[in-house]
N, C-alpha and C. Protein backbone atom coordinates (compact mmCIF):
# COMPACT_ATOMS: atom_id res chain seq x y z
N MET A 1 -23.32 72.37 -45.14
CA MET A 1 -24.26 71.59 -44.42
C MET A 1 -25.63 71.75 -45.01
N SER A 2 -26.32 70.68 -44.96
CA SER A 2 -27.67 70.76 -45.51
C SER A 2 -28.61 71.34 -44.47
N GLY A 3 -29.81 71.63 -44.89
CA GLY A 3 -30.78 72.28 -44.03
C GLY A 3 -31.45 71.33 -43.05
N ARG A 4 -31.35 70.06 -43.30
CA ARG A 4 -32.01 69.11 -42.38
C ARG A 4 -30.95 68.34 -41.61
N ARG A 5 -31.24 68.14 -40.38
CA ARG A 5 -30.35 67.32 -39.56
C ARG A 5 -30.88 65.89 -39.50
N ALA A 6 -30.06 64.87 -39.34
CA ALA A 6 -30.50 63.47 -39.21
C ALA A 6 -31.19 63.29 -37.86
N GLN A 7 -32.33 62.65 -37.91
CA GLN A 7 -33.07 62.44 -36.67
C GLN A 7 -32.62 61.16 -36.00
N ARG A 8 -32.60 61.21 -34.69
CA ARG A 8 -32.30 60.02 -33.90
C ARG A 8 -33.39 59.86 -32.86
N GLY A 9 -33.72 58.54 -32.51
CA GLY A 9 -34.71 58.30 -31.48
C GLY A 9 -36.01 57.79 -32.06
N LEU A 10 -37.03 57.73 -31.22
CA LEU A 10 -38.33 57.20 -31.59
C LEU A 10 -39.39 58.27 -31.45
N THR A 11 -40.38 58.13 -32.28
CA THR A 11 -41.52 59.03 -32.12
C THR A 11 -42.44 58.45 -31.06
N LEU A 12 -43.38 59.23 -30.61
CA LEU A 12 -44.33 58.79 -29.59
C LEU A 12 -45.17 57.62 -30.10
N VAL A 13 -45.57 57.66 -31.36
CA VAL A 13 -46.39 56.59 -31.94
C VAL A 13 -45.60 55.28 -31.96
N GLU A 14 -44.33 55.34 -32.36
CA GLU A 14 -43.51 54.14 -32.39
C GLU A 14 -43.33 53.56 -30.99
N LEU A 15 -43.15 54.40 -30.01
CA LEU A 15 -42.96 53.98 -28.63
C LEU A 15 -44.22 53.30 -28.10
N VAL A 16 -45.40 53.86 -28.36
CA VAL A 16 -46.66 53.27 -27.91
C VAL A 16 -46.87 51.92 -28.60
N ALA A 17 -46.58 51.82 -29.89
CA ALA A 17 -46.73 50.56 -30.61
C ALA A 17 -45.82 49.49 -30.03
N ALA A 18 -44.59 49.83 -29.71
CA ALA A 18 -43.66 48.87 -29.12
C ALA A 18 -44.15 48.39 -27.76
N ILE A 19 -44.68 49.29 -26.94
CA ILE A 19 -45.20 48.91 -25.62
C ILE A 19 -46.38 47.97 -25.75
N VAL A 20 -47.27 48.23 -26.71
CA VAL A 20 -48.44 47.36 -26.92
C VAL A 20 -47.98 45.97 -27.35
N VAL A 21 -47.06 45.87 -28.28
CA VAL A 21 -46.57 44.57 -28.76
C VAL A 21 -45.91 43.81 -27.63
N LEU A 22 -45.07 44.46 -26.84
CA LEU A 22 -44.43 43.80 -25.70
C LEU A 22 -45.45 43.36 -24.66
N GLY A 23 -46.46 44.18 -24.42
CA GLY A 23 -47.50 43.84 -23.44
C GLY A 23 -48.29 42.61 -23.84
N VAL A 24 -48.65 42.52 -25.12
CA VAL A 24 -49.40 41.36 -25.61
C VAL A 24 -48.53 40.11 -25.50
N GLY A 25 -47.28 40.20 -25.88
CA GLY A 25 -46.37 39.05 -25.78
C GLY A 25 -46.16 38.62 -24.34
N LEU A 26 -45.96 39.57 -23.46
CA LEU A 26 -45.76 39.27 -22.05
C LEU A 26 -47.01 38.65 -21.44
N ALA A 27 -48.19 39.12 -21.82
CA ALA A 27 -49.45 38.55 -21.31
C ALA A 27 -49.57 37.09 -21.72
N GLY A 28 -49.19 36.76 -22.94
CA GLY A 28 -49.23 35.37 -23.39
C GLY A 28 -48.29 34.48 -22.60
N VAL A 29 -47.09 34.99 -22.35
CA VAL A 29 -46.12 34.22 -21.56
C VAL A 29 -46.62 34.01 -20.14
N VAL A 30 -47.17 35.03 -19.51
CA VAL A 30 -47.68 34.93 -18.15
C VAL A 30 -48.85 33.95 -18.08
N MET A 31 -49.74 33.96 -19.07
CA MET A 31 -50.86 33.02 -19.08
C MET A 31 -50.37 31.58 -19.19
N THR A 32 -49.36 31.36 -20.01
CA THR A 32 -48.81 30.01 -20.17
C THR A 32 -48.18 29.54 -18.87
N ILE A 33 -47.40 30.38 -18.24
CA ILE A 33 -46.78 30.02 -16.96
C ILE A 33 -47.84 29.77 -15.90
N ASN A 34 -48.85 30.62 -15.85
CA ASN A 34 -49.92 30.47 -14.86
C ASN A 34 -50.66 29.15 -15.04
N ARG A 35 -50.93 28.79 -16.29
CA ARG A 35 -51.62 27.53 -16.56
C ARG A 35 -50.76 26.34 -16.14
N GLY A 36 -49.48 26.40 -16.42
CA GLY A 36 -48.57 25.33 -16.02
C GLY A 36 -48.46 25.19 -14.52
N VAL A 37 -48.40 26.30 -13.82
CA VAL A 37 -48.31 26.27 -12.36
C VAL A 37 -49.62 25.73 -11.77
N GLY A 38 -50.73 26.11 -12.36
CA GLY A 38 -52.02 25.65 -11.85
C GLY A 38 -52.20 24.15 -11.98
N GLN A 39 -51.61 23.55 -13.00
CA GLN A 39 -51.75 22.11 -13.21
C GLN A 39 -50.59 21.32 -12.62
N SER A 40 -49.61 21.97 -12.08
CA SER A 40 -48.45 21.25 -11.55
C SER A 40 -48.77 20.46 -10.30
N ALA A 41 -49.84 20.79 -9.60
CA ALA A 41 -50.22 20.06 -8.40
C ALA A 41 -50.92 18.75 -8.74
N ASP A 42 -51.50 18.61 -9.92
CA ASP A 42 -52.23 17.41 -10.29
C ASP A 42 -51.40 16.14 -10.18
N PRO A 43 -50.18 16.08 -10.72
CA PRO A 43 -49.38 14.86 -10.56
C PRO A 43 -49.07 14.55 -9.10
N MET A 44 -48.87 15.57 -8.29
CA MET A 44 -48.60 15.34 -6.87
C MET A 44 -49.83 14.73 -6.19
N VAL A 45 -51.01 15.26 -6.48
CA VAL A 45 -52.24 14.74 -5.89
C VAL A 45 -52.46 13.29 -6.34
N GLN A 46 -52.20 13.02 -7.61
CA GLN A 46 -52.34 11.66 -8.14
C GLN A 46 -51.37 10.71 -7.43
N ALA A 47 -50.13 11.14 -7.25
CA ALA A 47 -49.14 10.30 -6.59
C ALA A 47 -49.51 10.07 -5.12
N GLN A 48 -50.01 11.09 -4.45
CA GLN A 48 -50.43 10.93 -3.06
C GLN A 48 -51.63 10.00 -2.96
N ALA A 49 -52.59 10.12 -3.88
CA ALA A 49 -53.75 9.24 -3.87
C ALA A 49 -53.32 7.79 -4.07
N THR A 50 -52.37 7.56 -4.96
CA THR A 50 -51.85 6.21 -5.19
C THR A 50 -51.17 5.68 -3.93
N ALA A 51 -50.38 6.51 -3.29
CA ALA A 51 -49.69 6.09 -2.05
C ALA A 51 -50.68 5.77 -0.94
N VAL A 52 -51.73 6.57 -0.82
CA VAL A 52 -52.76 6.33 0.20
C VAL A 52 -53.44 4.99 -0.07
N ALA A 53 -53.83 4.74 -1.32
CA ALA A 53 -54.50 3.48 -1.68
C ALA A 53 -53.59 2.29 -1.42
N GLN A 54 -52.32 2.41 -1.78
CA GLN A 54 -51.38 1.31 -1.54
C GLN A 54 -51.20 1.04 -0.05
N ALA A 55 -51.15 2.09 0.75
CA ALA A 55 -51.00 1.92 2.19
C ALA A 55 -52.20 1.17 2.78
N TYR A 56 -53.40 1.54 2.36
CA TYR A 56 -54.60 0.85 2.84
C TYR A 56 -54.59 -0.61 2.40
N ILE A 57 -54.23 -0.88 1.15
CA ILE A 57 -54.20 -2.26 0.65
C ILE A 57 -53.19 -3.09 1.43
N GLU A 58 -52.01 -2.53 1.68
CA GLU A 58 -50.99 -3.26 2.44
C GLU A 58 -51.48 -3.56 3.85
N GLU A 59 -52.12 -2.58 4.47
CA GLU A 59 -52.65 -2.78 5.82
C GLU A 59 -53.70 -3.90 5.84
N ILE A 60 -54.62 -3.85 4.87
CA ILE A 60 -55.72 -4.82 4.84
C ILE A 60 -55.22 -6.23 4.55
N THR A 61 -54.36 -6.38 3.54
CA THR A 61 -53.89 -7.71 3.16
C THR A 61 -52.92 -8.30 4.18
N ALA A 62 -52.42 -7.51 5.10
CA ALA A 62 -51.55 -8.03 6.16
C ALA A 62 -52.36 -8.68 7.28
N ARG A 63 -53.68 -8.45 7.29
CA ARG A 63 -54.55 -9.02 8.33
C ARG A 63 -54.88 -10.47 7.99
N ASN A 64 -55.47 -11.17 8.97
CA ASN A 64 -55.93 -12.54 8.77
C ASN A 64 -56.99 -12.57 7.68
N PHE A 65 -57.05 -13.69 6.98
CA PHE A 65 -58.08 -13.85 5.95
C PHE A 65 -59.46 -13.90 6.61
N CYS A 66 -59.59 -14.72 7.61
CA CYS A 66 -60.85 -14.85 8.35
C CYS A 66 -60.67 -14.34 9.77
N ASP A 67 -61.77 -14.01 10.39
CA ASP A 67 -61.75 -13.52 11.77
C ASP A 67 -61.25 -14.62 12.70
N PRO A 68 -60.17 -14.38 13.42
CA PRO A 68 -59.63 -15.40 14.32
C PRO A 68 -60.62 -15.80 15.42
N ASP A 69 -61.54 -14.93 15.75
CA ASP A 69 -62.53 -15.24 16.78
C ASP A 69 -63.66 -16.12 16.26
N PHE A 70 -63.79 -16.20 14.93
CA PHE A 70 -64.91 -16.93 14.33
C PHE A 70 -64.65 -18.43 14.27
N SER A 71 -63.47 -18.79 13.82
CA SER A 71 -63.20 -20.20 13.60
C SER A 71 -61.72 -20.48 13.67
N THR A 72 -61.39 -21.65 14.18
CA THR A 72 -59.98 -22.04 14.18
C THR A 72 -59.60 -22.68 12.86
N ASN A 73 -60.57 -23.14 12.09
CA ASN A 73 -60.31 -23.75 10.80
C ASN A 73 -61.01 -22.92 9.73
N CYS A 74 -60.36 -21.86 9.32
CA CYS A 74 -60.97 -20.90 8.40
C CYS A 74 -61.38 -21.54 7.09
N ALA A 75 -60.53 -22.37 6.51
CA ALA A 75 -60.84 -22.97 5.21
C ALA A 75 -62.09 -23.83 5.28
N ALA A 76 -62.29 -24.55 6.36
CA ALA A 76 -63.47 -25.40 6.49
C ALA A 76 -64.71 -24.57 6.77
N ALA A 77 -64.57 -23.46 7.49
CA ALA A 77 -65.72 -22.65 7.85
C ALA A 77 -66.18 -21.76 6.71
N CYS A 78 -65.27 -21.35 5.87
CA CYS A 78 -65.61 -20.44 4.76
C CYS A 78 -66.04 -21.26 3.56
N THR A 79 -67.32 -21.51 3.45
CA THR A 79 -67.79 -22.32 2.34
C THR A 79 -68.59 -21.52 1.33
N THR A 80 -68.98 -20.30 1.66
CA THR A 80 -69.63 -19.44 0.68
C THR A 80 -68.78 -18.20 0.54
N SER A 81 -69.35 -17.06 0.43
CA SER A 81 -68.57 -15.84 0.34
C SER A 81 -67.84 -15.61 1.66
N ALA A 82 -66.54 -15.44 1.60
CA ALA A 82 -65.74 -15.37 2.81
C ALA A 82 -66.19 -14.27 3.77
N CYS A 83 -66.45 -13.08 3.25
CA CYS A 83 -66.86 -12.01 4.16
C CYS A 83 -68.28 -12.19 4.65
N GLY A 84 -69.09 -12.91 3.92
CA GLY A 84 -70.46 -13.14 4.37
C GLY A 84 -70.53 -14.17 5.46
N THR A 85 -69.63 -15.14 5.45
CA THR A 85 -69.69 -16.23 6.41
C THR A 85 -68.65 -16.12 7.51
N CYS A 86 -67.45 -15.72 7.16
CA CYS A 86 -66.35 -15.79 8.11
C CYS A 86 -66.09 -14.51 8.88
N ALA A 87 -66.66 -13.42 8.46
CA ALA A 87 -66.35 -12.14 9.10
C ALA A 87 -67.04 -12.01 10.43
N GLY A 88 -66.37 -11.37 11.35
CA GLY A 88 -67.00 -11.04 12.61
C GLY A 88 -67.92 -9.85 12.41
N ALA A 89 -68.60 -9.45 13.46
CA ALA A 89 -69.54 -8.34 13.35
C ALA A 89 -68.80 -7.03 13.12
N PHE A 90 -69.26 -6.27 12.15
CA PHE A 90 -68.72 -4.94 11.91
C PHE A 90 -69.72 -3.96 12.48
N GLY A 91 -69.31 -3.22 13.42
CA GLY A 91 -70.25 -2.29 14.04
C GLY A 91 -69.56 -1.40 15.04
N PRO A 92 -70.34 -0.80 15.94
CA PRO A 92 -69.76 0.16 16.87
C PRO A 92 -68.71 -0.44 17.79
N ALA A 93 -68.79 -1.74 18.07
CA ALA A 93 -67.81 -2.36 18.96
C ALA A 93 -66.46 -2.53 18.26
N GLU A 94 -66.47 -2.53 16.95
CA GLU A 94 -65.25 -2.75 16.17
C GLU A 94 -64.74 -1.42 15.66
N MET A 95 -63.49 -1.11 16.01
CA MET A 95 -62.85 0.12 15.53
C MET A 95 -61.65 -0.29 14.70
N ARG A 96 -61.18 0.63 13.90
CA ARG A 96 -60.08 0.30 12.98
C ARG A 96 -58.87 -0.22 13.73
N ALA A 97 -58.59 0.31 14.89
CA ALA A 97 -57.43 -0.15 15.65
C ALA A 97 -57.58 -1.60 16.09
N THR A 98 -58.81 -2.13 16.12
CA THR A 98 -59.03 -3.51 16.55
C THR A 98 -59.38 -4.44 15.40
N PHE A 99 -59.34 -3.96 14.16
CA PHE A 99 -59.62 -4.83 13.02
C PHE A 99 -58.58 -5.95 13.01
N ASP A 100 -59.05 -7.20 12.99
CA ASP A 100 -58.11 -8.32 13.02
C ASP A 100 -58.25 -9.24 11.80
N ASP A 101 -59.14 -8.91 10.89
CA ASP A 101 -59.25 -9.69 9.66
C ASP A 101 -59.63 -8.77 8.51
N MET A 102 -59.43 -9.26 7.32
CA MET A 102 -59.63 -8.45 6.12
C MET A 102 -61.07 -7.96 5.98
N CYS A 103 -62.02 -8.81 6.31
CA CYS A 103 -63.42 -8.45 6.11
C CYS A 103 -63.88 -7.33 7.04
N ASP A 104 -63.16 -7.08 8.13
CA ASP A 104 -63.52 -5.97 9.02
C ASP A 104 -63.44 -4.63 8.28
N TYR A 105 -62.63 -4.57 7.23
CA TYR A 105 -62.45 -3.33 6.48
C TYR A 105 -63.55 -3.09 5.46
N ASP A 106 -64.38 -4.09 5.18
CA ASP A 106 -65.41 -3.96 4.17
C ASP A 106 -66.37 -2.83 4.53
N GLY A 107 -66.55 -1.90 3.61
CA GLY A 107 -67.45 -0.77 3.84
C GLY A 107 -66.81 0.40 4.57
N LEU A 108 -65.54 0.30 4.89
CA LEU A 108 -64.86 1.40 5.59
C LEU A 108 -64.81 2.63 4.70
N GLN A 109 -65.17 3.77 5.27
CA GLN A 109 -65.05 5.04 4.55
C GLN A 109 -64.40 6.04 5.49
N ASN A 110 -63.31 6.62 5.02
CA ASN A 110 -62.61 7.65 5.79
C ASN A 110 -62.65 8.95 5.01
N VAL A 111 -63.18 9.98 5.61
CA VAL A 111 -63.11 11.31 5.03
C VAL A 111 -61.85 11.92 5.63
N GLY A 112 -60.83 11.97 4.82
CA GLY A 112 -59.49 12.30 5.30
C GLY A 112 -58.77 10.99 5.55
N ALA A 113 -57.61 10.81 4.94
CA ALA A 113 -56.86 9.57 5.12
C ALA A 113 -56.47 9.41 6.58
N ARG A 114 -56.42 8.17 7.03
CA ARG A 114 -56.11 7.88 8.43
C ARG A 114 -55.03 6.80 8.50
N ASP A 115 -54.35 6.76 9.63
CA ASP A 115 -53.36 5.72 9.82
C ASP A 115 -54.05 4.43 10.27
N GLN A 116 -53.26 3.38 10.50
CA GLN A 116 -53.83 2.07 10.83
C GLN A 116 -54.56 2.03 12.16
N PHE A 117 -54.39 3.05 12.98
CA PHE A 117 -55.09 3.10 14.26
C PHE A 117 -56.32 4.00 14.20
N GLY A 118 -56.60 4.56 13.02
CA GLY A 118 -57.77 5.41 12.85
C GLY A 118 -57.51 6.88 13.12
N ASN A 119 -56.26 7.25 13.34
CA ASN A 119 -55.92 8.65 13.60
C ASN A 119 -55.83 9.42 12.28
N ALA A 120 -56.43 10.59 12.25
CA ALA A 120 -56.42 11.42 11.04
C ALA A 120 -55.01 11.90 10.73
N ILE A 121 -54.70 11.95 9.44
CA ILE A 121 -53.42 12.50 8.98
C ILE A 121 -53.75 13.87 8.41
N ALA A 122 -53.36 14.91 9.11
CA ALA A 122 -53.78 16.28 8.80
C ALA A 122 -53.44 16.69 7.37
N GLN A 123 -52.28 16.32 6.87
CA GLN A 123 -51.86 16.73 5.53
C GLN A 123 -52.67 16.05 4.43
N LEU A 124 -53.40 14.99 4.77
CA LEU A 124 -54.18 14.24 3.79
C LEU A 124 -55.67 14.35 4.06
N SER A 125 -56.08 15.46 4.65
CA SER A 125 -57.48 15.61 5.08
C SER A 125 -58.46 15.78 3.93
N ARG A 126 -58.00 16.12 2.73
CA ARG A 126 -58.92 16.34 1.61
C ARG A 126 -59.16 15.08 0.78
N TYR A 127 -58.53 13.97 1.17
CA TYR A 127 -58.73 12.71 0.47
C TYR A 127 -59.87 11.93 1.14
N THR A 128 -60.68 11.27 0.32
CA THR A 128 -61.72 10.39 0.84
C THR A 128 -61.37 8.97 0.39
N VAL A 129 -61.42 8.03 1.34
CA VAL A 129 -61.02 6.66 1.07
C VAL A 129 -62.22 5.74 1.31
N ASP A 130 -62.54 4.92 0.31
CA ASP A 130 -63.60 3.92 0.41
C ASP A 130 -63.00 2.54 0.17
N VAL A 131 -63.34 1.59 1.05
CA VAL A 131 -62.79 0.24 0.97
C VAL A 131 -63.92 -0.75 0.71
N ASP A 132 -63.67 -1.66 -0.23
CA ASP A 132 -64.61 -2.74 -0.53
C ASP A 132 -63.83 -4.04 -0.49
N VAL A 133 -64.20 -4.92 0.42
CA VAL A 133 -63.60 -6.24 0.50
C VAL A 133 -64.71 -7.22 0.14
N ASP A 134 -64.51 -7.91 -0.96
CA ASP A 134 -65.57 -8.78 -1.47
C ASP A 134 -64.92 -9.94 -2.20
N GLY A 135 -65.69 -10.92 -2.42
CA GLY A 135 -65.19 -12.04 -3.18
C GLY A 135 -66.29 -12.78 -3.88
N ALA A 136 -67.51 -12.37 -3.69
CA ALA A 136 -68.63 -13.11 -4.25
C ALA A 136 -68.49 -13.25 -5.76
N GLY A 137 -68.45 -14.50 -6.20
CA GLY A 137 -68.41 -14.77 -7.64
C GLY A 137 -67.05 -14.60 -8.28
N GLU A 138 -66.02 -14.32 -7.52
CA GLU A 138 -64.67 -14.11 -8.07
C GLU A 138 -63.94 -15.44 -8.20
N THR A 139 -63.16 -15.58 -9.25
CA THR A 139 -62.26 -16.72 -9.40
C THR A 139 -60.92 -16.20 -9.92
N LEU A 140 -59.86 -16.81 -9.46
CA LEU A 140 -58.52 -16.44 -9.89
C LEU A 140 -57.63 -17.67 -9.79
N ASN A 141 -57.04 -18.08 -10.90
CA ASN A 141 -56.16 -19.25 -10.95
C ASN A 141 -56.80 -20.48 -10.33
N GLY A 142 -58.07 -20.68 -10.62
CA GLY A 142 -58.76 -21.86 -10.13
C GLY A 142 -59.27 -21.75 -8.70
N GLN A 143 -58.96 -20.65 -8.04
CA GLN A 143 -59.45 -20.46 -6.67
C GLN A 143 -60.75 -19.66 -6.73
N SER A 144 -61.71 -20.06 -5.91
CA SER A 144 -63.02 -19.41 -5.95
C SER A 144 -63.30 -18.71 -4.63
N SER A 145 -63.86 -17.51 -4.76
CA SER A 145 -64.27 -16.80 -3.56
C SER A 145 -65.47 -17.47 -2.92
N ASP A 146 -66.29 -18.12 -3.73
CA ASP A 146 -67.47 -18.79 -3.18
C ASP A 146 -67.10 -19.99 -2.33
N ALA A 147 -65.88 -20.49 -2.49
CA ALA A 147 -65.40 -21.59 -1.66
C ALA A 147 -64.59 -21.06 -0.48
N GLY A 148 -64.57 -19.76 -0.29
CA GLY A 148 -63.84 -19.17 0.83
C GLY A 148 -62.35 -19.15 0.63
N ALA A 149 -61.90 -19.19 -0.62
CA ALA A 149 -60.47 -19.26 -0.89
C ALA A 149 -59.89 -17.97 -1.43
N LEU A 150 -60.72 -16.94 -1.65
CA LEU A 150 -60.24 -15.75 -2.35
C LEU A 150 -61.03 -14.52 -1.92
N LEU A 151 -60.35 -13.41 -1.75
CA LEU A 151 -61.00 -12.12 -1.49
C LEU A 151 -60.41 -11.07 -2.42
N ARG A 152 -61.25 -10.16 -2.88
CA ARG A 152 -60.79 -9.02 -3.66
C ARG A 152 -60.90 -7.79 -2.79
N VAL A 153 -59.81 -7.02 -2.71
CA VAL A 153 -59.77 -5.78 -1.95
C VAL A 153 -59.65 -4.63 -2.94
N SER A 154 -60.61 -3.70 -2.88
CA SER A 154 -60.57 -2.51 -3.72
C SER A 154 -60.59 -1.28 -2.83
N VAL A 155 -59.65 -0.38 -3.09
CA VAL A 155 -59.57 0.87 -2.34
C VAL A 155 -59.72 2.00 -3.35
N THR A 156 -60.71 2.86 -3.11
CA THR A 156 -60.98 4.00 -3.99
C THR A 156 -60.64 5.27 -3.22
N VAL A 157 -59.79 6.11 -3.82
CA VAL A 157 -59.37 7.36 -3.20
C VAL A 157 -59.81 8.50 -4.11
N SER A 158 -60.48 9.48 -3.52
CA SER A 158 -60.90 10.65 -4.29
C SER A 158 -60.37 11.92 -3.63
N HIS A 159 -60.27 12.96 -4.44
CA HIS A 159 -59.76 14.26 -4.01
C HIS A 159 -60.38 15.30 -4.93
N PRO A 160 -60.70 16.49 -4.43
CA PRO A 160 -61.32 17.51 -5.28
C PRO A 160 -60.49 17.86 -6.52
N ALA A 161 -59.18 17.72 -6.48
CA ALA A 161 -58.34 18.08 -7.63
C ALA A 161 -58.24 16.96 -8.66
N LEU A 162 -58.71 15.76 -8.33
CA LEU A 162 -58.65 14.65 -9.27
C LEU A 162 -59.89 14.67 -10.17
N ALA A 163 -59.67 14.44 -11.45
CA ALA A 163 -60.79 14.42 -12.40
C ALA A 163 -61.70 13.24 -12.12
N ALA A 164 -61.13 12.12 -11.71
CA ALA A 164 -61.90 10.91 -11.40
C ALA A 164 -61.24 10.21 -10.22
N PRO A 165 -62.01 9.51 -9.41
CA PRO A 165 -61.41 8.79 -8.28
C PRO A 165 -60.44 7.71 -8.77
N LEU A 166 -59.45 7.42 -7.96
CA LEU A 166 -58.45 6.41 -8.26
C LEU A 166 -58.84 5.14 -7.51
N THR A 167 -58.86 3.99 -8.20
CA THR A 167 -59.19 2.72 -7.56
C THR A 167 -58.05 1.74 -7.80
N LEU A 168 -57.57 1.15 -6.71
CA LEU A 168 -56.58 0.07 -6.78
C LEU A 168 -57.23 -1.17 -6.21
N SER A 169 -57.00 -2.33 -6.85
CA SER A 169 -57.56 -3.59 -6.39
C SER A 169 -56.48 -4.65 -6.35
N THR A 170 -56.67 -5.59 -5.46
CA THR A 170 -55.77 -6.75 -5.38
C THR A 170 -56.57 -7.93 -4.89
N TYR A 171 -55.99 -9.12 -5.03
CA TYR A 171 -56.61 -10.34 -4.53
C TYR A 171 -55.74 -10.93 -3.45
N ARG A 172 -56.39 -11.61 -2.53
CA ARG A 172 -55.66 -12.34 -1.48
C ARG A 172 -56.28 -13.69 -1.35
N GLY A 173 -55.45 -14.71 -1.34
CA GLY A 173 -55.93 -16.08 -1.20
C GLY A 173 -55.94 -16.50 0.26
N ASN A 174 -56.74 -17.48 0.56
CA ASN A 174 -56.85 -18.03 1.92
C ASN A 174 -55.81 -19.12 2.05
N TYR A 175 -54.65 -18.73 2.50
CA TYR A 175 -53.55 -19.69 2.63
C TYR A 175 -53.11 -19.80 4.07
């Protein structure tokens, strides 16, 4: 037998070096996972903002073009901007639950999304919704808003997690 025996195992220096390398690698993996988890809510917030805007647009466009209390012949009465001439008074007497025409929604701002009766939806409290119903100077397929034949509805939804507010717009004709 020779005087030296074969060594087995690791030295302390090798063990410390292995721990450092594994620690650095694990830290990189954890940072990547953390970043992915932190951004995973963004698509959900975007999808919810889109759904909120679509719900408001559907609600608004389902209403009468002109205020039923204003005129029985909306097309004849609306000769300039539809919301400027045909809309009823928007004010303290008018609440969302009693909105009966599209122009009643003009200027509506909800801090926290609300249902069609104006009730807050708790799960959507961080969304802010702004509505603009206008038609001045708009034309679409030969129809003019200045003739009381067209309205543009824009709904803007914002949320602290969104980089920029989301705006959806649509047109509705006076038919």
